[in-house]
Amino acid sequence: MARRSAGINFPNVLTLIRIALVPPIIFLILVPWGGNFEGAQKIQTIFNIITAALFLIAALTDLFDGAIARSTNQVTDFGKFLDPVADKMLILGTLVALAGSERFSYLRLAVVISACIILLRELAVTSIRMVANNHDGTVISANIFGKIKTVVSVVTVIVILVEGVIFGNGGLAGIYLLSYIMLGLTVLLTVFSGFTYLKKYFSYIDPRK
């Protein structure tokens, strides 16, 4: 049961920090750092690293806010509402920005497809959660596959941002192979984790009832 709090506690502050970091991350991805002048590639590399660092900080707040809330008995209804919202804003917001960025245009189609699949999965799981909660008060928490999917999604974004920095222009194998592999893995885990929710809680949406 969520504990009532007189105000916003520290875990909620971490969640709010995650949300606050989303706009600057999107800005840094969308702005076309660099150009044809001398040193342009170096500038682009620096800002890719900065963006990856900010994204990692935002992702780490997701690791700590829930753990701190549970260990210190600071779980609140506000936190339970805000935490998944912040997660979706961070991952989907960043993927949409990557899809719209000229610097990452080589991945545009793959990123758009991945973002659409993730969005559809989130809508489906959220809908099942709402139906289950309205039906008998059942609270569907994230399962292990959902948590793995989130971690892999975070790693995927970081790989996209730094693959060119680590392996040079063209990334691994000259085709940004690592980014494609991680996007593919993210999609597979997204579909599989969504299927596990659907299979376990299908009784709530069974059309035969």
Protein backbone atom coordinates (compact mmCIF):
# COMPACT_ATOMS: atom_id res chain seq x y z
CA MET A 1 0.00 0.00 0.00
CA ALA A 2 1.36 3.44 -0.91
CA ARG A 3 2.35 5.57 2.03
CA ARG A 4 0.94 9.07 2.19
CA SER A 5 3.49 11.85 2.22
CA ALA A 6 3.26 15.49 3.17
CA GLY A 7 5.18 16.50 0.08
CA ILE A 8 7.42 15.33 -2.73
CA ASN A 9 10.01 12.93 -1.33
CA PHE A 10 13.53 12.17 -2.56
CA PRO A 11 12.58 9.24 -4.85
CA ASN A 12 9.98 11.49 -6.50
CA VAL A 13 12.64 14.18 -6.96
CA LEU A 14 14.80 11.64 -8.81
CA THR A 15 11.87 10.81 -11.07
CA LEU A 16 11.26 14.50 -11.74
CA ILE A 17 14.96 14.92 -12.58
CA ARG A 18 14.55 12.15 -15.17
CA ILE A 19 11.68 14.04 -16.77
CA ALA A 20 13.59 17.32 -16.63
CA LEU A 21 16.54 15.77 -18.49
CA VAL A 22 14.40 14.65 -21.43
CA PRO A 23 14.14 18.10 -23.18
CA PRO A 24 17.91 18.81 -23.11
CA ILE A 25 18.63 15.27 -24.35
CA ILE A 26 16.20 15.74 -27.24
CA PHE A 27 17.69 19.17 -27.98
CA LEU A 28 21.25 17.83 -28.06
CA ILE A 29 20.22 15.03 -30.43
CA LEU A 30 18.25 17.23 -32.83
CA VAL A 31 20.65 20.16 -33.12
CA PRO A 32 22.99 19.50 -36.10
CA TRP A 33 26.29 19.91 -34.26
CA GLY A 34 29.21 20.04 -36.66
CA GLY A 35 29.38 20.91 -40.33
CA ASN A 36 32.02 21.09 -43.04
CA PHE A 37 34.48 23.30 -41.19
CA GLU A 38 37.69 22.07 -39.56
CA GLY A 39 37.02 20.43 -36.21
CA ALA A 40 33.35 19.80 -36.95
CA GLN A 41 33.70 16.05 -36.39
CA LYS A 42 35.34 16.66 -33.03
CA ILE A 43 32.47 18.94 -31.95
CA GLN A 44 29.94 16.30 -32.97
CA THR A 45 31.84 13.66 -31.02
CA ILE A 46 31.93 15.81 -27.89
CA PHE A 47 28.20 16.47 -27.98
CA ASN A 48 27.41 12.81 -28.65
CA ILE A 49 29.35 11.94 -25.50
CA ILE A 50 27.59 14.68 -23.50
CA THR A 51 24.21 13.45 -24.72
CA ALA A 52 25.04 9.85 -23.83
CA ALA A 53 26.19 10.95 -20.35
CA LEU A 54 22.97 12.89 -19.71
CA PHE A 55 20.88 9.96 -20.94
CA LEU A 56 22.79 7.57 -18.67
CA ILE A 57 22.25 9.85 -15.66
CA ALA A 58 18.53 10.01 -16.45
CA ALA A 59 18.37 6.22 -16.81
CA LEU A 60 20.19 5.70 -13.50
CA THR A 61 17.53 7.74 -11.69
CA ASP A 62 15.10 5.02 -12.77
CA LEU A 63 17.31 2.44 -11.07
CA PHE A 64 17.51 4.33 -7.80
CA ASP A 65 14.14 6.02 -7.33
CA GLY A 66 12.14 2.81 -6.95
CA ALA A 67 14.80 1.07 -4.87
CA ILE A 68 15.08 4.02 -2.47
CA ALA A 69 11.30 4.39 -2.22
CA ARG A 70 10.85 0.73 -1.30
CA SER A 71 13.79 0.50 1.09
CA THR A 72 12.83 3.68 2.99
CA ASN A 73 9.05 3.14 2.90
CA GLN A 74 8.53 6.23 0.74
CA VAL A 75 6.32 4.60 -1.90
CA THR A 76 3.55 7.04 -2.86
CA ASP A 77 0.67 7.05 -5.33
CA PHE A 78 2.28 10.06 -7.00
CA GLY A 79 5.52 8.13 -7.45
CA LYS A 80 3.75 5.04 -8.78
CA PHE A 81 2.02 7.22 -11.36
CA LEU A 82 5.05 9.34 -12.31
CA ASP A 83 7.73 6.65 -12.57
CA PRO A 84 6.37 4.76 -15.61
CA VAL A 85 5.44 8.05 -17.27
CA ALA A 86 9.03 9.26 -16.87
CA ASP A 87 10.38 5.99 -18.29
CA LYS A 88 8.23 6.24 -21.41
CA MET A 89 9.08 9.92 -21.89
CA LEU A 90 12.80 9.17 -21.70
CA ILE A 91 12.93 6.13 -24.01
CA LEU A 92 10.29 7.11 -26.56
CA GLY A 93 11.25 10.80 -26.54
CA THR A 94 14.87 9.93 -27.23
CA LEU A 95 14.01 7.45 -29.98
CA VAL A 96 11.74 9.98 -31.70
CA ALA A 97 14.53 12.56 -31.52
CA LEU A 98 17.01 10.07 -33.02
CA ALA A 99 14.56 9.35 -35.84
CA GLY A 100 14.31 13.07 -36.60
CA SER A 101 18.02 13.85 -36.29
CA GLU A 102 20.07 14.41 -39.45
CA ARG A 103 23.18 13.13 -37.65
CA PHE A 104 21.54 9.74 -37.14
CA SER A 105 19.62 9.61 -40.41
CA TYR A 106 21.36 6.35 -41.36
CA LEU A 107 19.27 4.63 -38.65
CA ARG A 108 16.02 6.50 -39.28
CA LEU A 109 13.91 3.65 -40.63
CA ALA A 110 15.10 1.17 -38.01
CA VAL A 111 14.53 3.66 -35.19
CA VAL A 112 11.04 4.61 -36.43
CA ILE A 113 10.02 0.95 -36.63
CA SER A 114 11.46 0.27 -33.16
CA ALA A 115 9.74 3.30 -31.63
CA CYS A 116 6.38 2.32 -33.15
CA ILE A 117 6.63 -1.24 -31.81
CA ILE A 118 7.63 0.01 -28.35
CA LEU A 119 4.75 2.50 -28.34
CA LEU A 120 2.21 -0.14 -29.35
CA ARG A 121 3.52 -2.50 -26.67
CA GLU A 122 3.31 0.18 -24.00
CA LEU A 123 -0.26 1.07 -25.00
CA ALA A 124 -1.29 -2.59 -24.89
CA VAL A 125 0.30 -3.30 -21.50
CA THR A 126 -1.01 -0.07 -20.00
CA SER A 127 -4.52 -0.93 -21.22
CA ILE A 128 -4.34 -4.40 -19.66
CA ARG A 129 -3.18 -2.86 -16.39
CA MET A 130 -6.11 -0.45 -16.39
CA VAL A 131 -8.64 -3.20 -17.14
CA ALA A 132 -7.23 -5.48 -14.43
CA ASN A 133 -7.19 -2.70 -11.86
CA ASN A 134 -10.73 -1.61 -12.65
CA HIS A 135 -11.99 -5.21 -12.65
CA ASP A 136 -10.79 -6.41 -9.25
CA GLY A 137 -8.08 -4.04 -8.07
CA THR A 138 -5.22 -6.17 -9.41
CA VAL A 139 -1.98 -4.19 -9.75
CA ILE A 140 0.21 -5.54 -12.55
CA SER A 141 3.82 -4.71 -11.79
CA ALA A 142 6.72 -4.97 -14.20
CA ASN A 143 7.94 -8.54 -14.65
CA ILE A 144 11.54 -9.61 -15.18
CA PHE A 145 11.22 -9.50 -18.97
CA GLY A 146 9.85 -5.97 -18.84
CA LYS A 147 12.78 -4.90 -16.67
CA ILE A 148 15.28 -6.54 -19.01
CA LYS A 149 13.60 -4.83 -21.95
CA THR A 150 14.02 -1.45 -20.24
CA VAL A 151 17.72 -2.06 -19.51
CA VAL A 152 18.38 -3.19 -23.09
CA SER A 153 16.51 -0.14 -24.43
CA VAL A 154 18.77 2.13 -22.38
CA VAL A 155 21.90 0.34 -23.60
CA THR A 156 20.63 0.57 -27.19
CA VAL A 157 20.27 4.35 -27.05
CA ILE A 158 23.74 4.73 -25.54
CA VAL A 159 25.22 2.45 -28.22
CA ILE A 160 23.59 4.53 -30.96
CA LEU A 161 25.03 7.72 -29.46
CA VAL A 162 28.60 6.46 -28.98
CA GLU A 163 29.18 3.76 -31.62
CA GLY A 164 30.57 6.32 -34.04
CA VAL A 165 32.74 7.75 -31.27
CA ILE A 166 34.22 4.36 -30.40
CA PHE A 167 34.59 2.82 -33.87
CA GLY A 168 34.87 5.98 -35.95
CA ASN A 169 32.67 7.16 -38.80
CA GLY A 170 30.58 4.23 -40.00
CA GLY A 171 30.65 2.47 -36.65
CA LEU A 172 31.25 -1.27 -36.34
CA ALA A 173 31.86 -2.94 -39.73
CA GLY A 174 31.31 0.45 -41.42
CA ILE A 175 27.51 0.11 -41.24
CA TYR A 176 26.85 0.88 -37.56
CA LEU A 177 26.28 -2.84 -37.09
CA LEU A 178 26.18 -2.68 -33.29
CA SER A 179 23.37 -0.12 -33.34
CA TYR A 180 21.30 -2.30 -35.68
CA ILE A 181 21.90 -5.37 -33.53
CA MET A 182 20.85 -3.57 -30.34
CA LEU A 183 17.74 -2.13 -32.00
CA GLY A 184 16.80 -5.61 -33.18
CA LEU A 185 17.34 -7.03 -29.69
CA THR A 186 15.23 -4.25 -28.19
CA VAL A 187 12.37 -4.98 -30.58
CA LEU A 188 12.51 -8.72 -29.84
CA LEU A 189 12.46 -8.17 -26.08
CA THR A 190 9.70 -5.58 -26.44
CA VAL A 191 7.48 -8.02 -28.33
CA PHE A 192 8.32 -10.94 -26.05
CA SER A 193 7.77 -9.03 -22.81
CA GLY A 194 4.48 -7.72 -24.16
CA PHE A 195 3.44 -11.27 -25.03
CA THR A 196 4.19 -12.47 -21.48
CA TYR A 197 1.83 -9.83 -20.07
CA LEU A 198 -0.84 -10.68 -22.62
CA LYS A 199 -0.58 -14.41 -21.94
CA LYS A 200 -0.67 -14.08 -18.15
CA TYR A 201 -3.50 -11.57 -17.96
CA PHE A 202 -5.49 -12.48 -21.07
CA SER A 203 -8.43 -13.52 -18.89
CA TYR A 204 -9.14 -9.85 -18.23
CA ILE A 205 -9.63 -9.10 -21.93
CA ASP A 206 -10.91 -12.49 -23.11
CA PRO A 207 -13.61 -11.69 -25.73
CA ARG A 208 -15.40 -14.94 -24.90
CA LYS A 209 -16.43 -13.60 -21.51
